[in-house]
Amino acid sequence: MNDRLLSLLGICRRAGRLTIGCDPVKESIETGKACLVLAASDISANTASKVIPVAERFSVDFVTISRCKDELSFSLGKTAAVVSVTDEGFAKKLREIISAECKGGN
């Protein structure tokens, strides 16, 4: 796999700094653990409607990445459409990668 974003998310999961799934992500936001919330490009409207308001209420960045659920799930080894990063260092690096992708860089 030569995808920096997905590779870093895999590392983040192995380090225990990633929360996976709608309800666990909402809980991590509400308890102040979440630094960044990432959603697959094909997240369901139902899941988005549950997570986005909570992220907004607690001022946690919510970003939809340009990867589908299958790609995200494969990189994490677990079915996932939404994840939260609970480490500010990982969150900062993920923001940099996402920003570079949006600008057309790699």
PDB file of N, CA and C in Angstrom:
ATOM      1  N   MET A   1       0.847  -1.175   0.000  1.00  0.00           N
ATOM      2  CA  MET A   1       0.000   0.000   0.000  1.00  0.00           C
ATOM      3  C   MET A   1       0.892   1.236   0.000  1.00  0.00           C
ATOM      4  N   ASN A   2       0.625   2.118  -0.955  1.00  0.00           N
ATOM      5  CA  ASN A   2       1.423   3.325  -1.056  1.00  0.00           C
ATOM      6  C   ASN A   2       0.533   4.554  -0.863  1.00  0.00           C
ATOM      7  N   ASP A   3      -0.334   4.486   0.093  1.00  0.00           N
ATOM      8  CA  ASP A   3      -1.258   5.571   0.393  1.00  0.00           C
ATOM      9  C   ASP A   3      -0.896   6.104   1.773  1.00  0.00           C
ATOM     10  N   ARG A   4      -0.324   7.294   1.795  1.00  0.00           N
ATOM     11  CA  ARG A   4       0.182   7.850   3.059  1.00  0.00           C
ATOM     12  C   ARG A   4      -0.907   8.008   4.110  1.00  0.00           C
ATOM     13  N   LEU A   5      -2.074   8.454   3.680  1.00  0.00           N
ATOM     14  CA  LEU A   5      -3.173   8.673   4.621  1.00  0.00           C
ATOM     15  C   LEU A   5      -3.616   7.360   5.262  1.00  0.00           C
ATOM     16  N   LEU A   6      -3.875   6.359   4.428  1.00  0.00           N
ATOM     17  CA  LEU A   6      -4.329   5.070   4.962  1.00  0.00           C
ATOM     18  C   LEU A   6      -3.236   4.377   5.759  1.00  0.00           C
ATOM     19  N   SER A   7      -1.993   4.514   5.324  1.00  0.00           N
ATOM     20  CA  SER A   7      -0.876   3.922   6.066  1.00  0.00           C
ATOM     21  C   SER A   7      -0.773   4.531   7.467  1.00  0.00           C
ATOM     22  N   LEU A   8      -0.887   5.852   7.536  1.00  0.00           N
ATOM     23  CA  LEU A   8      -0.803   6.517   8.839  1.00  0.00           C
ATOM     24  C   LEU A   8      -1.989   6.141   9.725  1.00  0.00           C
ATOM     25  N   LEU A   9      -3.157   5.985   9.142  1.00  0.00           N
ATOM     26  CA  LEU A   9      -4.311   5.546   9.931  1.00  0.00           C
ATOM     27  C   LEU A   9      -4.089   4.141  10.488  1.00  0.00           C
ATOM     28  N   GLY A  10      -3.462   3.264   9.695  1.00  0.00           N
ATOM     29  CA  GLY A  10      -3.135   1.922  10.178  1.00  0.00           C
ATOM     30  C   GLY A  10      -2.160   1.970  11.348  1.00  0.00           C
ATOM     31  N   ILE A  11      -1.164   2.828  11.246  1.00  0.00           N
ATOM     32  CA  ILE A  11      -0.197   3.001  12.332  1.00  0.00           C
ATOM     33  C   ILE A  11      -0.895   3.554  13.571  1.00  0.00           C
ATOM     34  N   CYS A  12      -1.767   4.508  13.337  1.00  0.00           N
ATOM     35  CA  CYS A  12      -2.530   5.118  14.429  1.00  0.00           C
ATOM     36  C   CYS A  12      -3.363   4.061  15.158  1.00  0.00           C
ATOM     37  N   ARG A  13      -3.975   3.166  14.405  1.00  0.00           N
ATOM     38  CA  ARG A  13      -4.777   2.106  15.028  1.00  0.00           C
ATOM     39  C   ARG A  13      -3.894   1.166  15.851  1.00  0.00           C
ATOM     40  N   ARG A  14      -2.763   0.777  15.277  1.00  0.00           N
ATOM     41  CA  ARG A  14      -1.869  -0.137  16.004  1.00  0.00           C
ATOM     42  C   ARG A  14      -1.312   0.514  17.269  1.00  0.00           C
ATOM     43  N   ALA A  15      -1.212   1.843  17.256  1.00  0.00           N
ATOM     44  CA  ALA A  15      -0.726   2.570  18.435  1.00  0.00           C
ATOM     45  C   ALA A  15      -1.829   2.778  19.465  1.00  0.00           C
ATOM     46  N   GLY A  16      -3.050   2.383  19.119  1.00  0.00           N
ATOM     47  CA  GLY A  16      -4.161   2.541  20.051  1.00  0.00           C
ATOM     48  C   GLY A  16      -4.701   3.955  20.129  1.00  0.00           C
ATOM     49  N   ARG A  17      -4.494   4.722  19.083  1.00  0.00           N
ATOM     50  CA  ARG A  17      -4.910   6.128  19.069  1.00  0.00           C
ATOM     51  C   ARG A  17      -6.030   6.397  18.073  1.00  0.00           C
ATOM     52  N   LEU A  18      -6.804   5.356  17.757  1.00  0.00           N
ATOM     53  CA  LEU A  18      -7.879   5.490  16.788  1.00  0.00           C
ATOM     54  C   LEU A  18      -9.137   4.836  17.333  1.00  0.00           C
ATOM     55  N   THR A  19     -10.250   5.530  17.241  1.00  0.00           N
ATOM     56  CA  THR A  19     -11.542   4.990  17.645  1.00  0.00           C
ATOM     57  C   THR A  19     -12.341   4.728  16.381  1.00  0.00           C
ATOM     58  N   ILE A  20     -12.946   3.550  16.288  1.00  0.00           N
ATOM     59  CA  ILE A  20     -13.620   3.136  15.059  1.00  0.00           C
ATOM     60  C   ILE A  20     -15.105   2.886  15.318  1.00  0.00           C
ATOM     61  N   GLY A  21     -15.952   3.444  14.454  1.00  0.00           N
ATOM     62  CA  GLY A  21     -17.388   3.194  14.541  1.00  0.00           C
ATOM     63  C   GLY A  21     -18.162   4.392  15.055  1.00  0.00           C
ATOM     64  N   CYS A  22     -19.401   4.471  14.666  1.00  0.00           N
ATOM     65  CA  CYS A  22     -20.253   5.629  14.984  1.00  0.00           C
ATOM     66  C   CYS A  22     -20.354   5.903  16.488  1.00  0.00           C
ATOM     67  N   ASP A  23     -20.850   4.952  17.242  1.00  0.00           N
ATOM     68  CA  ASP A  23     -21.051   5.189  18.680  1.00  0.00           C
ATOM     69  C   ASP A  23     -19.743   5.406  19.441  1.00  0.00           C
ATOM     70  N   PRO A  24     -18.690   4.594  19.199  1.00  0.00           N
ATOM     71  CA  PRO A  24     -17.422   4.867  19.882  1.00  0.00           C
ATOM     72  C   PRO A  24     -16.822   6.234  19.521  1.00  0.00           C
ATOM     73  N   VAL A  25     -17.005   6.649  18.256  1.00  0.00           N
ATOM     74  CA  VAL A  25     -16.500   7.962  17.839  1.00  0.00           C
ATOM     75  C   VAL A  25     -17.264   9.071  18.572  1.00  0.00           C
ATOM     76  N   LYS A  26     -18.591   8.948  18.632  1.00  0.00           N
ATOM     77  CA  LYS A  26     -19.380   9.945  19.358  1.00  0.00           C
ATOM     78  C   LYS A  26     -18.935  10.030  20.815  1.00  0.00           C
ATOM     79  N   GLU A  27     -18.697   8.881  21.434  1.00  0.00           N
ATOM     80  CA  GLU A  27     -18.251   8.862  22.822  1.00  0.00           C
ATOM     81  C   GLU A  27     -16.885   9.529  22.983  1.00  0.00           C
ATOM     82  N   SER A  28     -15.969   9.267  22.036  1.00  0.00           N
ATOM     83  CA  SER A  28     -14.635   9.874  22.133  1.00  0.00           C
ATOM     84  C   SER A  28     -14.704  11.390  21.984  1.00  0.00           C
ATOM     85  N   ILE A  29     -15.653  11.868  21.182  1.00  0.00           N
ATOM     86  CA  ILE A  29     -15.841  13.316  21.043  1.00  0.00           C
ATOM     87  C   ILE A  29     -16.390  13.894  22.346  1.00  0.00           C
ATOM     88  N   GLU A  30     -17.428  13.261  22.863  1.00  0.00           N
ATOM     89  CA  GLU A  30     -18.094  13.763  24.076  1.00  0.00           C
ATOM     90  C   GLU A  30     -17.197  13.740  25.310  1.00  0.00           C
ATOM     91  N   THR A  31     -16.258  12.805  25.354  1.00  0.00           N
ATOM     92  CA  THR A  31     -15.353  12.721  26.505  1.00  0.00           C
ATOM     93  C   THR A  31     -14.091  13.553  26.315  1.00  0.00           C
ATOM     94  N   GLY A  32     -13.996  14.250  25.186  1.00  0.00           N
ATOM     95  CA  GLY A  32     -12.855  15.129  24.944  1.00  0.00           C
ATOM     96  C   GLY A  32     -11.604  14.426  24.474  1.00  0.00           C
ATOM     97  N   LYS A  33     -11.714  13.182  24.078  1.00  0.00           N
ATOM     98  CA  LYS A  33     -10.540  12.438  23.624  1.00  0.00           C
ATOM     99  C   LYS A  33     -10.241  12.647  22.141  1.00  0.00           C
ATOM    100  N   ALA A  34     -11.264  12.904  21.342  1.00  0.00           N
ATOM    101  CA  ALA A  34     -11.096  13.020  19.890  1.00  0.00           C
ATOM    102  C   ALA A  34     -10.431  14.342  19.514  1.00  0.00           C
ATOM    103  N   CYS A  35      -9.413  14.262  18.671  1.00  0.00           N
ATOM    104  CA  CYS A  35      -8.747  15.454  18.142  1.00  0.00           C
ATOM    105  C   CYS A  35      -9.202  15.739  16.714  1.00  0.00           C
ATOM    106  N   LEU A  36      -9.615  14.694  16.019  1.00  0.00           N
ATOM    107  CA  LEU A  36      -9.991  14.793  14.609  1.00  0.00           C
ATOM    108  C   LEU A  36     -10.915  13.631  14.284  1.00  0.00           C
ATOM    109  N   VAL A  37     -11.960  13.888  13.503  1.00  0.00           N
ATOM    110  CA  VAL A  37     -12.862  12.839  13.053  1.00  0.00           C
ATOM    111  C   VAL A  37     -12.764  12.757  11.538  1.00  0.00           C
ATOM    112  N   LEU A  38     -12.549  11.548  11.035  1.00  0.00           N
ATOM    113  CA  LEU A  38     -12.456  11.317   9.596  1.00  0.00           C
ATOM    114  C   LEU A  38     -13.570  10.382   9.164  1.00  0.00           C
ATOM    115  N   ALA A  39     -14.171  10.690   8.025  1.00  0.00           N
ATOM    116  CA  ALA A  39     -15.248   9.866   7.494  1.00  0.00           C
ATOM    117  C   ALA A  39     -14.922   9.449   6.067  1.00  0.00           C
ATOM    118  N   ALA A  40     -15.332   8.248   5.708  1.00  0.00           N
ATOM    119  CA  ALA A  40     -15.165   7.757   4.345  1.00  0.00           C
ATOM    120  C   ALA A  40     -16.026   8.595   3.401  1.00  0.00           C
ATOM    121  N   SER A  41     -15.642   8.632   2.138  1.00  0.00           N
ATOM    122  CA  SER A  41     -16.382   9.435   1.159  1.00  0.00           C
ATOM    123  C   SER A  41     -17.806   8.939   0.958  1.00  0.00           C
ATOM    124  N   ASP A  42     -18.026   7.658   1.221  1.00  0.00           N
ATOM    125  CA  ASP A  42     -19.363   7.092   1.035  1.00  0.00           C
ATOM    126  C   ASP A  42     -20.052   6.763   2.365  1.00  0.00           C
ATOM    127  N   ILE A  43     -19.785   7.593   3.371  1.00  0.00           N
ATOM    128  CA  ILE A  43     -20.434   7.417   4.675  1.00  0.00           C
ATOM    129  C   ILE A  43     -21.951   7.557   4.489  1.00  0.00           C
ATOM    130  N   SER A  44     -22.698   6.777   5.222  1.00  0.00           N
ATOM    131  CA  SER A  44     -24.159   6.846   5.092  1.00  0.00           C
ATOM    132  C   SER A  44     -24.677   8.149   5.707  1.00  0.00           C
ATOM    133  N   ALA A  45     -25.789   8.611   5.177  1.00  0.00           N
ATOM    134  CA  ALA A  45     -26.407   9.832   5.697  1.00  0.00           C
ATOM    135  C   ALA A  45     -26.788   9.657   7.160  1.00  0.00           C
ATOM    136  N   ASN A  46     -27.208   8.458   7.516  1.00  0.00           N
ATOM    137  CA  ASN A  46     -27.593   8.171   8.893  1.00  0.00           C
ATOM    138  C   ASN A  46     -26.407   8.336   9.846  1.00  0.00           C
ATOM    139  N   THR A  47     -25.272   7.746   9.489  1.00  0.00           N
ATOM    140  CA  THR A  47     -24.080   7.850  10.329  1.00  0.00           C
ATOM    141  C   THR A  47     -23.608   9.298  10.417  1.00  0.00           C
ATOM    142  N   ALA A  48     -23.576   9.974   9.272  1.00  0.00           N
ATOM    143  CA  ALA A  48     -23.140  11.376   9.244  1.00  0.00           C
ATOM    144  C   ALA A  48     -24.043  12.238  10.130  1.00  0.00           C
ATOM    145  N   SER A  49     -25.348  11.980  10.078  1.00  0.00           N
ATOM    146  CA  SER A  49     -26.281  12.798  10.864  1.00  0.00           C
ATOM    147  C   SER A  49     -26.126  12.559  12.365  1.00  0.00           C
ATOM    148  N   LYS A  50     -25.547  11.441  12.742  1.00  0.00           N
ATOM    149  CA  LYS A  50     -25.310  11.166  14.157  1.00  0.00           C
ATOM    150  C   LYS A  50     -23.998  11.760  14.652  1.00  0.00           C
ATOM    151  N   VAL A  51     -22.974  11.766  13.788  1.00  0.00           N
ATOM    152  CA  VAL A  51     -21.637  12.172  14.222  1.00  0.00           C
ATOM    153  C   VAL A  51     -21.370  13.665  14.024  1.00  0.00           C
ATOM    154  N   ILE A  52     -21.780  14.213  12.893  1.00  0.00           N
ATOM    155  CA  ILE A  52     -21.459  15.614  12.589  1.00  0.00           C
ATOM    156  C   ILE A  52     -21.970  16.593  13.649  1.00  0.00           C
ATOM    157  N   PRO A  53     -23.228  16.494  14.090  1.00  0.00           N
ATOM    158  CA  PRO A  53     -23.684  17.448  15.120  1.00  0.00           C
ATOM    159  C   PRO A  53     -22.883  17.368  16.429  1.00  0.00           C
ATOM    160  N   VAL A  54     -22.479  16.173  16.790  1.00  0.00           N
ATOM    161  CA  VAL A  54     -21.694  16.008  18.023  1.00  0.00           C
ATOM    162  C   VAL A  54     -20.314  16.648  17.837  1.00  0.00           C
ATOM    163  N   ALA A  55     -19.699  16.408  16.674  1.00  0.00           N
ATOM    164  CA  ALA A  55     -18.389  17.011  16.394  1.00  0.00           C
ATOM    165  C   ALA A  55     -18.485  18.530  16.399  1.00  0.00           C
ATOM    166  N   GLU A  56     -19.538  19.067  15.803  1.00  0.00           N
ATOM    167  CA  GLU A  56     -19.717  20.522  15.782  1.00  0.00           C
ATOM    168  C   GLU A  56     -19.935  21.077  17.189  1.00  0.00           C
ATOM    169  N   ARG A  57     -20.753  20.382  17.977  1.00  0.00           N
ATOM    170  CA  ARG A  57     -21.057  20.848  19.331  1.00  0.00           C
ATOM    171  C   ARG A  57     -19.801  20.915  20.201  1.00  0.00           C
ATOM    172  N   PHE A  58     -18.881  19.968  19.988  1.00  0.00           N
ATOM    173  CA  PHE A  58     -17.663  19.929  20.799  1.00  0.00           C
ATOM    174  C   PHE A  58     -16.451  20.514  20.070  1.00  0.00           C
ATOM    175  N   SER A  59     -16.688  21.184  18.942  1.00  0.00           N
ATOM    176  CA  SER A  59     -15.635  21.859  18.154  1.00  0.00           C
ATOM    177  C   SER A  59     -14.489  20.931  17.767  1.00  0.00           C
ATOM    178  N   VAL A  60     -14.843  19.735  17.286  1.00  0.00           N
ATOM    179  CA  VAL A  60     -13.853  18.783  16.791  1.00  0.00           C
ATOM    180  C   VAL A  60     -13.944  18.772  15.265  1.00  0.00           C
ATOM    181  N   ASP A  61     -12.810  18.885  14.600  1.00  0.00           N
ATOM    182  CA  ASP A  61     -12.800  18.891  13.134  1.00  0.00           C
ATOM    183  C   ASP A  61     -13.374  17.597  12.594  1.00  0.00           C
ATOM    184  N   PHE A  62     -14.291  17.709  11.632  1.00  0.00           N
ATOM    185  CA  PHE A  62     -14.876  16.568  10.932  1.00  0.00           C
ATOM    186  C   PHE A  62     -14.481  16.712   9.471  1.00  0.00           C
ATOM    187  N   VAL A  63     -13.754  15.714   8.944  1.00  0.00           N
ATOM    188  CA  VAL A  63     -13.263  15.776   7.575  1.00  0.00           C
ATOM    189  C   VAL A  63     -13.688  14.520   6.827  1.00  0.00           C
ATOM    190  N   THR A  64     -14.256  14.718   5.649  1.00  0.00           N
ATOM    191  CA  THR A  64     -14.574  13.588   4.779  1.00  0.00           C
ATOM    192  C   THR A  64     -13.375  13.381   3.871  1.00  0.00           C
ATOM    193  N   ILE A  65     -12.791  12.197   3.941  1.00  0.00           N
ATOM    194  CA  ILE A  65     -11.602  11.901   3.137  1.00  0.00           C
ATOM    195  C   ILE A  65     -12.004  11.328   1.778  1.00  0.00           C
ATOM    196  N   SER A  66     -11.097  11.352   0.847  1.00  0.00           N
ATOM    197  CA  SER A  66     -11.391  10.870  -0.506  1.00  0.00           C
ATOM    198  C   SER A  66     -11.111   9.370  -0.640  1.00  0.00           C
ATOM    199  N   ARG A  67     -11.498   8.620   0.371  1.00  0.00           N
ATOM    200  CA  ARG A  67     -11.377   7.157   0.357  1.00  0.00           C
ATOM    201  C   ARG A  67     -12.737   6.572   0.724  1.00  0.00           C
ATOM    202  N   CYS A  68     -13.089   5.461   0.105  1.00  0.00           N
ATOM    203  CA  CYS A  68     -14.376   4.832   0.405  1.00  0.00           C
ATOM    204  C   CYS A  68     -14.257   3.936   1.637  1.00  0.00           C
ATOM    205  N   LYS A  69     -15.408   3.454   2.098  1.00  0.00           N
ATOM    206  CA  LYS A  69     -15.440   2.587   3.285  1.00  0.00           C
ATOM    207  C   LYS A  69     -14.579   1.344   3.095  1.00  0.00           C
ATOM    208  N   ASP A  70     -14.611   0.763   1.895  1.00  0.00           N
ATOM    209  CA  ASP A  70     -13.825  -0.447   1.650  1.00  0.00           C
ATOM    210  C   ASP A  70     -12.333  -0.183   1.799  1.00  0.00           C
ATOM    211  N   GLU A  71     -11.856   0.938   1.264  1.00  0.00           N
ATOM    212  CA  GLU A  71     -10.434   1.269   1.381  1.00  0.00           C
ATOM    213  C   GLU A  71     -10.054   1.525   2.836  1.00  0.00           C
ATOM    214  N   LEU A  72     -10.887   2.273   3.515  1.00  0.00           N
ATOM    215  CA  LEU A  72     -10.630   2.576   4.926  1.00  0.00           C
ATOM    216  C   LEU A  72     -10.642   1.294   5.753  1.00  0.00           C
ATOM    217  N   SER A  73     -11.634   0.471   5.531  1.00  0.00           N
ATOM    218  CA  SER A  73     -11.759  -0.788   6.278  1.00  0.00           C
ATOM    219  C   SER A  73     -10.568  -1.695   6.028  1.00  0.00           C
ATOM    220  N   PHE A  74     -10.139  -1.798   4.776  1.00  0.00           N
ATOM    221  CA  PHE A  74      -9.005  -2.655   4.436  1.00  0.00           C
ATOM    222  C   PHE A  74      -7.737  -2.195   5.152  1.00  0.00           C
ATOM    223  N   SER A  75      -7.512  -0.886   5.192  1.00  0.00           N
ATOM    224  CA  SER A  75      -6.287  -0.379   5.822  1.00  0.00           C
ATOM    225  C   SER A  75      -6.289  -0.567   7.337  1.00  0.00           C
ATOM    226  N   LEU A  76      -7.492  -0.626   7.929  1.00  0.00           N
ATOM    227  CA  LEU A  76      -7.593  -0.757   9.390  1.00  0.00           C
ATOM    228  C   LEU A  76      -7.806  -2.190   9.849  1.00  0.00           C
ATOM    229  N   GLY A  77      -8.190  -3.057   8.920  1.00  0.00           N
ATOM    230  CA  GLY A  77      -8.454  -4.441   9.299  1.00  0.00           C
ATOM    231  C   GLY A  77      -9.767  -4.606  10.029  1.00  0.00           C
ATOM    232  N   LYS A  78     -10.638  -3.632   9.900  1.00  0.00           N
ATOM    233  CA  LYS A  78     -11.942  -3.659  10.564  1.00  0.00           C
ATOM    234  C   LYS A  78     -12.886  -2.764   9.769  1.00  0.00           C
ATOM    235  N   THR A  79     -14.136  -3.185   9.648  1.00  0.00           N
ATOM    236  CA  THR A  79     -15.113  -2.385   8.910  1.00  0.00           C
ATOM    237  C   THR A  79     -15.262  -1.016   9.562  1.00  0.00           C
ATOM    238  N   ALA A  80     -15.115   0.034   8.741  1.00  0.00           N
ATOM    239  CA  ALA A  80     -15.163   1.389   9.287  1.00  0.00           C
ATOM    240  C   ALA A  80     -15.625   2.382   8.239  1.00  0.00           C
ATOM    241  N   ALA A  81     -16.494   3.290   8.653  1.00  0.00           N
ATOM    242  CA  ALA A  81     -16.895   4.408   7.805  1.00  0.00           C
ATOM    243  C   ALA A  81     -16.510   5.731   8.464  1.00  0.00           C
ATOM    244  N   VAL A  82     -16.349   5.698   9.782  1.00  0.00           N
ATOM    245  CA  VAL A  82     -15.970   6.902  10.520  1.00  0.00           C
ATOM    246  C   VAL A  82     -15.009   6.515  11.648  1.00  0.00           C
ATOM    247  N   VAL A  83     -13.983   7.341  11.832  1.00  0.00           N
ATOM    248  CA  VAL A  83     -12.987   7.095  12.881  1.00  0.00           C
ATOM    249  C   VAL A  83     -12.640   8.414  13.563  1.00  0.00           C
ATOM    250  N   SER A  84     -12.173   8.321  14.785  1.00  0.00           N
ATOM    251  CA  SER A  84     -11.649   9.516  15.444  1.00  0.00           C
ATOM    252  C   SER A  84     -10.216   9.245  15.883  1.00  0.00           C
ATOM    253  N   VAL A  85      -9.401  10.261  15.742  1.00  0.00           N
ATOM    254  CA  VAL A  85      -7.992  10.199  16.130  1.00  0.00           C
ATOM    255  C   VAL A  85      -7.881  10.824  17.511  1.00  0.00           C
ATOM    256  N   THR A  86      -7.272  10.097  18.439  1.00  0.00           N
ATOM    257  CA  THR A  86      -7.213  10.566  19.829  1.00  0.00           C
ATOM    258  C   THR A  86      -5.824  11.034  20.242  1.00  0.00           C
ATOM    259  N   ASP A  87      -4.975  11.317  19.260  1.00  0.00           N
ATOM    260  CA  ASP A  87      -3.621  11.802  19.542  1.00  0.00           C
ATOM    261  C   ASP A  87      -3.386  13.038  18.677  1.00  0.00           C
ATOM    262  N   GLU A  88      -3.010  14.134  19.292  1.00  0.00           N
ATOM    263  CA  GLU A  88      -2.855  15.390  18.553  1.00  0.00           C
ATOM    264  C   GLU A  88      -1.726  15.320  17.519  1.00  0.00           C
ATOM    265  N   GLY A  89      -0.660  14.588  17.812  1.00  0.00           N
ATOM    266  CA  GLY A  89       0.439  14.448  16.851  1.00  0.00           C
ATOM    267  C   GLY A  89      -0.014  13.738  15.587  1.00  0.00           C
ATOM    268  N   PHE A  90      -0.724  12.628  15.752  1.00  0.00           N
ATOM    269  CA  PHE A  90      -1.267  11.921  14.586  1.00  0.00           C
ATOM    270  C   PHE A  90      -2.266  12.808  13.846  1.00  0.00           C
ATOM    271  N   ALA A  91      -3.119  13.496  14.589  1.00  0.00           N
ATOM    272  CA  ALA A  91      -4.128  14.358  13.970  1.00  0.00           C
ATOM    273  C   ALA A  91      -3.473  15.458  13.136  1.00  0.00           C
ATOM    274  N   LYS A  92      -2.408  16.039  13.661  1.00  0.00           N
ATOM    275  CA  LYS A  92      -1.710  17.104  12.939  1.00  0.00           C
ATOM    276  C   LYS A  92      -1.131  16.576  11.628  1.00  0.00           C
ATOM    277  N   LYS A  93      -0.496  15.417  11.669  1.00  0.00           N
ATOM    278  CA  LYS A  93       0.100  14.847  10.463  1.00  0.00           C
ATOM    279  C   LYS A  93      -0.985  14.466   9.447  1.00  0.00           C
ATOM    280  N   LEU A  94      -2.090  13.918   9.922  1.00  0.00           N
ATOM    281  CA  LEU A  94      -3.193  13.571   9.021  1.00  0.00           C
ATOM    282  C   LEU A  94      -3.760  14.821   8.356  1.00  0.00           C
ATOM    283  N   ARG A  95      -3.889  15.909   9.104  1.00  0.00           N
ATOM    284  CA  ARG A  95      -4.363  17.173   8.517  1.00  0.00           C
ATOM    285  C   ARG A  95      -3.412  17.650   7.423  1.00  0.00           C
ATOM    286  N   GLU A  96      -2.101  17.517   7.654  1.00  0.00           N
ATOM    287  CA  GLU A  96      -1.105  17.921   6.660  1.00  0.00           C
ATOM    288  C   GLU A  96      -1.246  17.092   5.376  1.00  0.00           C
ATOM    289  N   ILE A  97      -1.417  15.788   5.531  1.00  0.00           N
ATOM    290  CA  ILE A  97      -1.558  14.908   4.364  1.00  0.00           C
ATOM    291  C   ILE A  97      -2.833  15.258   3.594  1.00  0.00           C
ATOM    292  N   ILE A  98      -3.926  15.446   4.312  1.00  0.00           N
ATOM    293  CA  ILE A  98      -5.198  15.789   3.666  1.00  0.00           C
ATOM    294  C   ILE A  98      -5.098  17.136   2.958  1.00  0.00           C
ATOM    295  N   SER A  99      -4.460  18.099   3.593  1.00  0.00           N
ATOM    296  CA  SER A  99      -4.285  19.417   2.993  1.00  0.00           C
ATOM    297  C   SER A  99      -3.454  19.334   1.720  1.00  0.00           C
ATOM    298  N   ALA A 100      -2.386  18.542   1.761  1.00  0.00           N
ATOM    299  CA  ALA A 100      -1.527  18.377   0.580  1.00  0.00           C
ATOM    300  C   ALA A 100      -2.296  17.720  -0.559  1.00  0.00           C
ATOM    301  N   GLU A 101      -3.157  16.749  -0.237  1.00  0.00           N
ATOM    302  CA  GLU A 101      -3.973  16.096  -1.257  1.00  0.00           C
ATOM    303  C   GLU A 101      -4.941  17.093  -1.888  1.00  0.00           C
ATOM    304  N   CYS A 102      -5.519  17.950  -1.069  1.00  0.00           N
ATOM    305  CA  CYS A 102      -6.479  18.930  -1.583  1.00  0.00           C
ATOM    306  C   CYS A 102      -5.804  19.930  -2.515  1.00  0.00           C
ATOM    307  N   LYS A 103      -4.527  20.194  -2.275  1.00  0.00           N
ATOM    308  CA  LYS A 103      -3.768  21.120  -3.122  1.00  0.00           C
ATOM    309  C   LYS A 103      -3.176  20.435  -4.334  1.00  0.00           C
ATOM    310  N   GLY A 104      -3.387  19.119  -4.440  1.00  0.00           N
ATOM    311  CA  GLY A 104      -2.883  18.383  -5.600  1.00  0.00           C
ATOM    312  C   GLY A 104      -1.515  17.790  -5.400  1.00  0.00           C
ATOM    313  N   GLY A 105      -0.951  17.939  -4.228  1.00  0.00           N
ATOM    314  CA  GLY A 105       0.358  17.367  -3.940  1.00  0.00           C
ATOM    315  C   GLY A 105       0.223  15.937  -3.470  1.00  0.00           C
ATOM    316  N   ASN A 106       1.355  15.291  -3.236  1.00  0.00           N
ATOM    317  CA  ASN A 106       1.328  13.927  -2.723  1.00  0.00           C
ATOM    318  C   ASN A 106       2.441  13.756  -1.818  1.00  0.00           C
TER     319      ASN A 106
END
